[in-house]
Amino acid sequence: MQTITLSARYNGEQILLDEPYELAPDTRLIITVLPAPLSERDEWMHFAAQNLAAAYGDDEPEYTLADVKEMNPDYDGS
């Protein structure tokens, strides 16, 4: 028998296939438990965190006041 992938859900008591598929008794199975899907907000937060990490990585130089070409006269420093 060739290897196939079937989607299924656990209802708290049994694993139920999402679509019918004929399985012979004693068919060997491998079960992979998938993480719960992220909410749209969580996906955006994860995306933002990844991009912030890329923008401010360990190799990012440290800038000091000496690196500033022109001071902003409206900046009060608080």
PDB file of N, CA and C in Angstrom:
ATOM      1  N   MET A   1       0.852  -1.179   0.000  1.00  0.00           N
ATOM      2  CA  MET A   1       0.000   0.000   0.000  1.00  0.00           C
ATOM      3  C   MET A   1       0.893   1.236   0.000  1.00  0.00           C
ATOM      4  N   GLN A   2       0.544   2.205  -0.819  1.00  0.00           N
ATOM      5  CA  GLN A   2       1.319   3.445  -0.841  1.00  0.00           C
ATOM      6  C   GLN A   2       0.936   4.339   0.331  1.00  0.00           C
ATOM      7  N   THR A   3       1.845   5.221   0.716  1.00  0.00           N
ATOM      8  CA  THR A   3       1.585   6.150   1.814  1.00  0.00           C
ATOM      9  C   THR A   3       0.700   7.285   1.315  1.00  0.00           C
ATOM     10  N   ILE A   4      -0.321   7.616   2.092  1.00  0.00           N
ATOM     11  CA  ILE A   4      -1.206   8.727   1.751  1.00  0.00           C
ATOM     12  C   ILE A   4      -1.407   9.590   2.991  1.00  0.00           C
ATOM     13  N   THR A   5      -1.876  10.804   2.780  1.00  0.00           N
ATOM     14  CA  THR A   5      -2.175  11.715   3.885  1.00  0.00           C
ATOM     15  C   THR A   5      -3.675  11.936   3.930  1.00  0.00           C
ATOM     16  N   LEU A   6      -4.260  11.751   5.097  1.00  0.00           N
ATOM     17  CA  LEU A   6      -5.684  11.970   5.305  1.00  0.00           C
ATOM     18  C   LEU A   6      -5.863  12.992   6.419  1.00  0.00           C
ATOM     19  N   SER A   7      -6.760  13.938   6.246  1.00  0.00           N
ATOM     20  CA  SER A   7      -7.024  14.879   7.335  1.00  0.00           C
ATOM     21  C   SER A   7      -8.112  14.296   8.230  1.00  0.00           C
ATOM     22  N   ALA A   8      -7.988  14.584   9.511  1.00  0.00           N
ATOM     23  CA  ALA A   8      -8.929  14.037  10.487  1.00  0.00           C
ATOM     24  C   ALA A   8      -9.007  14.976  11.676  1.00  0.00           C
ATOM     25  N   ARG A   9      -9.975  14.718  12.534  1.00  0.00           N
ATOM     26  CA  ARG A   9     -10.157  15.509  13.757  1.00  0.00           C
ATOM     27  C   ARG A   9     -10.428  14.537  14.906  1.00  0.00           C
ATOM     28  N   TYR A  10     -10.066  14.976  16.098  1.00  0.00           N
ATOM     29  CA  TYR A  10     -10.339  14.204  17.316  1.00  0.00           C
ATOM     30  C   TYR A  10     -11.523  14.862  18.011  1.00  0.00           C
ATOM     31  N   ASN A  11     -12.586  14.103  18.261  1.00  0.00           N
ATOM     32  CA  ASN A  11     -13.796  14.680  18.853  1.00  0.00           C
ATOM     33  C   ASN A  11     -13.850  14.523  20.374  1.00  0.00           C
ATOM     34  N   GLY A  12     -12.735  14.133  20.963  1.00  0.00           N
ATOM     35  CA  GLY A  12     -12.697  13.916  22.404  1.00  0.00           C
ATOM     36  C   GLY A  12     -12.785  12.447  22.765  1.00  0.00           C
ATOM     37  N   GLU A  13     -13.215  11.627  21.829  1.00  0.00           N
ATOM     38  CA  GLU A  13     -13.318  10.192  22.066  1.00  0.00           C
ATOM     39  C   GLU A  13     -12.682   9.370  20.948  1.00  0.00           C
ATOM     40  N   GLN A  14     -12.834   9.827  19.708  1.00  0.00           N
ATOM     41  CA  GLN A  14     -12.347   9.075  18.552  1.00  0.00           C
ATOM     42  C   GLN A  14     -11.673  10.010  17.556  1.00  0.00           C
ATOM     43  N   ILE A  15     -10.808   9.436  16.735  1.00  0.00           N
ATOM     44  CA  ILE A  15     -10.245  10.158  15.603  1.00  0.00           C
ATOM     45  C   ILE A  15     -11.173   9.901  14.427  1.00  0.00           C
ATOM     46  N   LEU A  16     -11.697  10.970  13.839  1.00  0.00           N
ATOM     47  CA  LEU A  16     -12.650  10.868  12.735  1.00  0.00           C
ATOM     48  C   LEU A  16     -12.045  11.461  11.470  1.00  0.00           C
ATOM     49  N   LEU A  17     -12.057  10.692  10.388  1.00  0.00           N
ATOM     50  CA  LEU A  17     -11.560  11.184   9.104  1.00  0.00           C
ATOM     51  C   LEU A  17     -12.479  12.287   8.588  1.00  0.00           C
ATOM     52  N   ASP A  18     -11.889  13.332   7.995  1.00  0.00           N
ATOM     53  CA  ASP A  18     -12.688  14.421   7.436  1.00  0.00           C
ATOM     54  C   ASP A  18     -13.444  13.982   6.182  1.00  0.00           C
ATOM     55  N   GLU A  19     -12.889  13.028   5.460  1.00  0.00           N
ATOM     56  CA  GLU A  19     -13.544  12.472   4.266  1.00  0.00           C
ATOM     57  C   GLU A  19     -13.475  10.956   4.345  1.00  0.00           C
ATOM     58  N   PRO A  20     -14.480  10.261   3.827  1.00  0.00           N
ATOM     59  CA  PRO A  20     -14.463   8.790   3.885  1.00  0.00           C
ATOM     60  C   PRO A  20     -13.254   8.205   3.141  1.00  0.00           C
ATOM     61  N   TYR A  21     -12.677   7.165   3.714  1.00  0.00           N
ATOM     62  CA  TYR A  21     -11.585   6.447   3.073  1.00  0.00           C
ATOM     63  C   TYR A  21     -11.617   5.016   3.594  1.00  0.00           C
ATOM     64  N   GLU A  22     -11.553   4.069   2.714  1.00  0.00           N
ATOM     65  CA  GLU A  22     -11.636   2.656   3.082  1.00  0.00           C
ATOM     66  C   GLU A  22     -10.297   2.184   3.653  1.00  0.00           C
ATOM     67  N   LEU A  23     -10.314   1.776   4.911  1.00  0.00           N
ATOM     68  CA  LEU A  23      -9.129   1.233   5.565  1.00  0.00           C
ATOM     69  C   LEU A  23      -9.398  -0.215   5.948  1.00  0.00           C
ATOM     70  N   ALA A  24      -8.431  -1.060   5.674  1.00  0.00           N
ATOM     71  CA  ALA A  24      -8.550  -2.468   6.053  1.00  0.00           C
ATOM     72  C   ALA A  24      -8.295  -2.598   7.554  1.00  0.00           C
ATOM     73  N   PRO A  25      -8.900  -3.592   8.210  1.00  0.00           N
ATOM     74  CA  PRO A  25      -8.622  -3.814   9.632  1.00  0.00           C
ATOM     75  C   PRO A  25      -7.115  -3.989   9.861  1.00  0.00           C
ATOM     76  N   ASP A  26      -6.628  -3.483  10.966  1.00  0.00           N
ATOM     77  CA  ASP A  26      -5.214  -3.562  11.358  1.00  0.00           C
ATOM     78  C   ASP A  26      -4.275  -2.769  10.444  1.00  0.00           C
ATOM     79  N   THR A  27      -4.819  -1.820   9.687  1.00  0.00           N
ATOM     80  CA  THR A  27      -3.964  -0.950   8.878  1.00  0.00           C
ATOM     81  C   THR A  27      -3.105  -0.111   9.817  1.00  0.00           C
ATOM     82  N   ARG A  28      -1.812  -0.069   9.561  1.00  0.00           N
ATOM     83  CA  ARG A  28      -0.905   0.728  10.400  1.00  0.00           C
ATOM     84  C   ARG A  28      -1.056   2.198  10.040  1.00  0.00           C
ATOM     85  N   LEU A  29      -1.084   3.052  11.076  1.00  0.00           N
ATOM     86  CA  LEU A  29      -1.259   4.489  10.884  1.00  0.00           C
ATOM     87  C   LEU A  29      -0.177   5.241  11.649  1.00  0.00           C
ATOM     88  N   ILE A  30       0.166   6.405  11.160  1.00  0.00           N
ATOM     89  CA  ILE A  30       1.002   7.357  11.893  1.00  0.00           C
ATOM     90  C   ILE A  30       0.142   8.591  12.094  1.00  0.00           C
ATOM     91  N   ILE A  31       0.027   9.042  13.327  1.00  0.00           N
ATOM     92  CA  ILE A  31      -0.793  10.202  13.652  1.00  0.00           C
ATOM     93  C   ILE A  31       0.129  11.384  13.945  1.00  0.00           C
ATOM     94  N   THR A  32      -0.109  12.512  13.285  1.00  0.00           N
ATOM     95  CA  THR A  32       0.618  13.748  13.545  1.00  0.00           C
ATOM     96  C   THR A  32      -0.362  14.748  14.132  1.00  0.00           C
ATOM     97  N   VAL A  33      -0.069  15.239  15.321  1.00  0.00           N
ATOM     98  CA  VAL A  33      -0.935  16.225  15.965  1.00  0.00           C
ATOM     99  C   VAL A  33      -0.442  17.612  15.556  1.00  0.00           C
ATOM    100  N   LEU A  34      -1.331  18.391  14.969  1.00  0.00           N
ATOM    101  CA  LEU A  34      -0.985  19.729  14.485  1.00  0.00           C
ATOM    102  C   LEU A  34      -1.307  20.778  15.543  1.00  0.00           C
ATOM    103  N   PRO A  35      -0.523  21.857  15.591  1.00  0.00           N
ATOM    104  CA  PRO A  35      -0.843  22.918  16.550  1.00  0.00           C
ATOM    105  C   PRO A  35      -2.145  23.613  16.163  1.00  0.00           C
ATOM    106  N   ALA A  36      -2.799  24.196  17.140  1.00  0.00           N
ATOM    107  CA  ALA A  36      -4.028  24.940  16.859  1.00  0.00           C
ATOM    108  C   ALA A  36      -3.687  26.122  15.957  1.00  0.00           C
ATOM    109  N   PRO A  37      -4.547  26.436  15.015  1.00  0.00           N
ATOM    110  CA  PRO A  37      -4.251  27.572  14.138  1.00  0.00           C
ATOM    111  C   PRO A  37      -4.241  28.878  14.937  1.00  0.00           C
ATOM    112  N   LEU A  38      -3.362  29.785  14.520  1.00  0.00           N
ATOM    113  CA  LEU A  38      -3.281  31.084  15.169  1.00  0.00           C
ATOM    114  C   LEU A  38      -4.440  31.962  14.722  1.00  0.00           C
ATOM    115  N   SER A  39      -4.861  32.845  15.595  1.00  0.00           N
ATOM    116  CA  SER A  39      -5.856  33.829  15.185  1.00  0.00           C
ATOM    117  C   SER A  39      -5.174  34.817  14.237  1.00  0.00           C
ATOM    118  N   GLU A  40      -5.955  35.588  13.509  1.00  0.00           N
ATOM    119  CA  GLU A  40      -5.367  36.554  12.580  1.00  0.00           C
ATOM    120  C   GLU A  40      -4.483  37.549  13.331  1.00  0.00           C
ATOM    121  N   ARG A  41      -4.931  37.955  14.526  1.00  0.00           N
ATOM    122  CA  ARG A  41      -4.131  38.893  15.321  1.00  0.00           C
ATOM    123  C   ARG A  41      -2.804  38.254  15.717  1.00  0.00           C
ATOM    124  N   ASP A  42      -2.843  36.995  16.142  1.00  0.00           N
ATOM    125  CA  ASP A  42      -1.615  36.296  16.530  1.00  0.00           C
ATOM    126  C   ASP A  42      -0.675  36.134  15.341  1.00  0.00           C
ATOM    127  N   GLU A  43      -1.241  35.888  14.150  1.00  0.00           N
ATOM    128  CA  GLU A  43      -0.412  35.778  12.947  1.00  0.00           C
ATOM    129  C   GLU A  43       0.311  37.094  12.664  1.00  0.00           C
ATOM    130  N   TRP A  44      -0.407  38.223  12.796  1.00  0.00           N
ATOM    131  CA  TRP A  44       0.206  39.534  12.568  1.00  0.00           C
ATOM    132  C   TRP A  44       1.278  39.814  13.620  1.00  0.00           C
ATOM    133  N   MET A  45       1.013  39.461  14.877  1.00  0.00           N
ATOM    134  CA  MET A  45       1.996  39.680  15.934  1.00  0.00           C
ATOM    135  C   MET A  45       3.265  38.850  15.673  1.00  0.00           C
ATOM    136  N   HIS A  46       3.085  37.611  15.250  1.00  0.00           N
ATOM    137  CA  HIS A  46       4.222  36.746  14.931  1.00  0.00           C
ATOM    138  C   HIS A  46       5.012  37.326  13.759  1.00  0.00           C
ATOM    139  N   PHE A  47       4.306  37.771  12.726  1.00  0.00           N
ATOM    140  CA  PHE A  47       4.934  38.383  11.546  1.00  0.00           C
ATOM    141  C   PHE A  47       5.723  39.623  11.947  1.00  0.00           C
ATOM    142  N   ALA A  48       5.123  40.492  12.776  1.00  0.00           N
ATOM    143  CA  ALA A  48       5.786  41.716  13.222  1.00  0.00           C
ATOM    144  C   ALA A  48       7.035  41.391  14.042  1.00  0.00           C
ATOM    145  N   ALA A  49       6.935  40.425  14.941  1.00  0.00           N
ATOM    146  CA  ALA A  49       8.074  40.052  15.771  1.00  0.00           C
ATOM    147  C   ALA A  49       9.227  39.521  14.923  1.00  0.00           C
ATOM    148  N   GLN A  50       8.921  38.718  13.911  1.00  0.00           N
ATOM    149  CA  GLN A  50       9.960  38.197  13.023  1.00  0.00           C
ATOM    150  C   GLN A  50      10.677  39.334  12.302  1.00  0.00           C
ATOM    151  N   ASN A  51       9.909  40.306  11.810  1.00  0.00           N
ATOM    152  CA  ASN A  51      10.510  41.403  11.065  1.00  0.00           C
ATOM    153  C   ASN A  51      11.272  42.358  11.975  1.00  0.00           C
ATOM    154  N   LEU A  52      10.793  42.575  13.193  1.00  0.00           N
ATOM    155  CA  LEU A  52      11.566  43.386  14.135  1.00  0.00           C
ATOM    156  C   LEU A  52      12.890  42.708  14.473  1.00  0.00           C
ATOM    157  N   ALA A  53      12.858  41.397  14.652  1.00  0.00           N
ATOM    158  CA  ALA A  53      14.086  40.664  14.952  1.00  0.00           C
ATOM    159  C   ALA A  53      15.074  40.780  13.791  1.00  0.00           C
ATOM    160  N   ALA A  54      14.563  40.753  12.560  1.00  0.00           N
ATOM    161  CA  ALA A  54      15.442  40.886  11.393  1.00  0.00           C
ATOM    162  C   ALA A  54      15.990  42.312  11.283  1.00  0.00           C
ATOM    163  N   ALA A  55      15.165  43.303  11.615  1.00  0.00           N
ATOM    164  CA  ALA A  55      15.590  44.701  11.498  1.00  0.00           C
ATOM    165  C   ALA A  55      16.574  45.092  12.592  1.00  0.00           C
ATOM    166  N   TYR A  56      16.435  44.501  13.766  1.00  0.00           N
ATOM    167  CA  TYR A  56      17.282  44.843  14.903  1.00  0.00           C
ATOM    168  C   TYR A  56      18.024  43.613  15.390  1.00  0.00           C
ATOM    169  N   GLY A  57      18.781  43.003  14.495  1.00  0.00           N
ATOM    170  CA  GLY A  57      19.519  41.800  14.827  1.00  0.00           C
ATOM    171  C   GLY A  57      20.752  42.081  15.656  1.00  0.00           C
ATOM    172  N   ASP A  58      21.452  41.026  16.022  1.00  0.00           N
ATOM    173  CA  ASP A  58      22.658  41.131  16.840  1.00  0.00           C
ATOM    174  C   ASP A  58      23.769  41.909  16.151  1.00  0.00           C
ATOM    175  N   ASP A  59      23.759  41.923  14.810  1.00  0.00           N
ATOM    176  CA  ASP A  59      24.817  42.625  14.082  1.00  0.00           C
ATOM    177  C   ASP A  59      24.462  44.088  13.797  1.00  0.00           C
ATOM    178  N   GLU A  60      23.351  44.571  14.361  1.00  0.00           N
ATOM    179  CA  GLU A  60      22.938  45.966  14.191  1.00  0.00           C
ATOM    180  C   GLU A  60      23.911  46.861  14.952  1.00  0.00           C
ATOM    181  N   PRO A  61      24.467  47.906  14.300  1.00  0.00           N
ATOM    182  CA  PRO A  61      25.406  48.785  15.014  1.00  0.00           C
ATOM    183  C   PRO A  61      24.703  49.620  16.074  1.00  0.00           C
ATOM    184  N   GLU A  62      25.437  49.983  17.107  1.00  0.00           N
ATOM    185  CA  GLU A  62      24.928  50.860  18.154  1.00  0.00           C
ATOM    186  C   GLU A  62      25.229  52.300  17.741  1.00  0.00           C
ATOM    187  N   TYR A  63      24.203  53.113  17.666  1.00  0.00           N
ATOM    188  CA  TYR A  63      24.386  54.512  17.299  1.00  0.00           C
ATOM    189  C   TYR A  63      24.399  55.369  18.557  1.00  0.00           C
ATOM    190  N   THR A  64      25.244  56.383  18.577  1.00  0.00           N
ATOM    191  CA  THR A  64      25.337  57.293  19.714  1.00  0.00           C
ATOM    192  C   THR A  64      24.961  58.689  19.247  1.00  0.00           C
ATOM    193  N   LEU A  65      24.912  59.649  20.175  1.00  0.00           N
ATOM    194  CA  LEU A  65      24.638  61.042  19.807  1.00  0.00           C
ATOM    195  C   LEU A  65      25.702  61.594  18.870  1.00  0.00           C
ATOM    196  N   ALA A  66      26.907  61.071  18.947  1.00  0.00           N
ATOM    197  CA  ALA A  66      27.977  61.522  18.068  1.00  0.00           C
ATOM    198  C   ALA A  66      27.687  61.180  16.605  1.00  0.00           C
ATOM    199  N   ASP A  67      26.831  60.198  16.370  1.00  0.00           N
ATOM    200  CA  ASP A  67      26.477  59.805  15.005  1.00  0.00           C
ATOM    201  C   ASP A  67      25.401  60.699  14.394  1.00  0.00           C
ATOM    202  N   VAL A  68      24.762  61.537  15.201  1.00  0.00           N
ATOM    203  CA  VAL A  68      23.687  62.399  14.718  1.00  0.00           C
ATOM    204  C   VAL A  68      24.301  63.560  13.946  1.00  0.00           C
ATOM    205  N   LYS A  69      23.838  63.772  12.722  1.00  0.00           N
ATOM    206  CA  LYS A  69      24.362  64.844  11.877  1.00  0.00           C
ATOM    207  C   LYS A  69      23.785  66.203  12.275  1.00  0.00           C
ATOM    208  N   GLU A  70      22.501  66.217  12.613  1.00  0.00           N
ATOM    209  CA  GLU A  70      21.839  67.463  12.943  1.00  0.00           C
ATOM    210  C   GLU A  70      20.858  67.211  14.067  1.00  0.00           C
ATOM    211  N   MET A  71      20.955  67.972  15.136  1.00  0.00           N
ATOM    212  CA  MET A  71      20.059  67.801  16.271  1.00  0.00           C
ATOM    213  C   MET A  71      18.676  68.359  15.922  1.00  0.00           C
ATOM    214  N   ASN A  72      17.634  67.748  16.457  1.00  0.00           N
ATOM    215  CA  ASN A  72      16.264  68.229  16.278  1.00  0.00           C
ATOM    216  C   ASN A  72      15.979  69.253  17.372  1.00  0.00           C
ATOM    217  N   PRO A  73      15.798  70.511  17.005  1.00  0.00           N
ATOM    218  CA  PRO A  73      15.598  71.539  18.047  1.00  0.00           C
ATOM    219  C   PRO A  73      14.273  71.375  18.796  1.00  0.00           C
ATOM    220  N   ASP A  74      13.310  70.652  18.237  1.00  0.00           N
ATOM    221  CA  ASP A  74      12.021  70.448  18.882  1.00  0.00           C
ATOM    222  C   ASP A  74      12.009  69.263  19.844  1.00  0.00           C
ATOM    223  N   TYR A  75      13.082  68.475  19.869  1.00  0.00           N
ATOM    224  CA  TYR A  75      13.137  67.291  20.727  1.00  0.00           C
ATOM    225  C   TYR A  75      13.539  67.728  22.123  1.00  0.00           C
ATOM    226  N   ASP A  76      12.675  67.400  23.118  1.00  0.00           N
ATOM    227  CA  ASP A  76      12.967  67.846  24.488  1.00  0.00           C
ATOM    228  C   ASP A  76      13.715  66.800  25.316  1.00  0.00           C
ATOM    229  N   GLY A  77      13.894  65.606  24.758  1.00  0.00           N
ATOM    230  CA  GLY A  77      14.676  64.576  25.440  1.00  0.00           C
ATOM    231  C   GLY A  77      13.948  63.782  26.506  1.00  0.00           C
ATOM    232  N   SER A  78      12.653  64.018  26.694  1.00  0.00           N
ATOM    233  CA  SER A  78      11.935  63.280  27.743  1.00  0.00           C
ATOM    234  C   SER A  78      11.264  62.047  27.216  1.00  0.00           C
TER     235      SER A  78
END
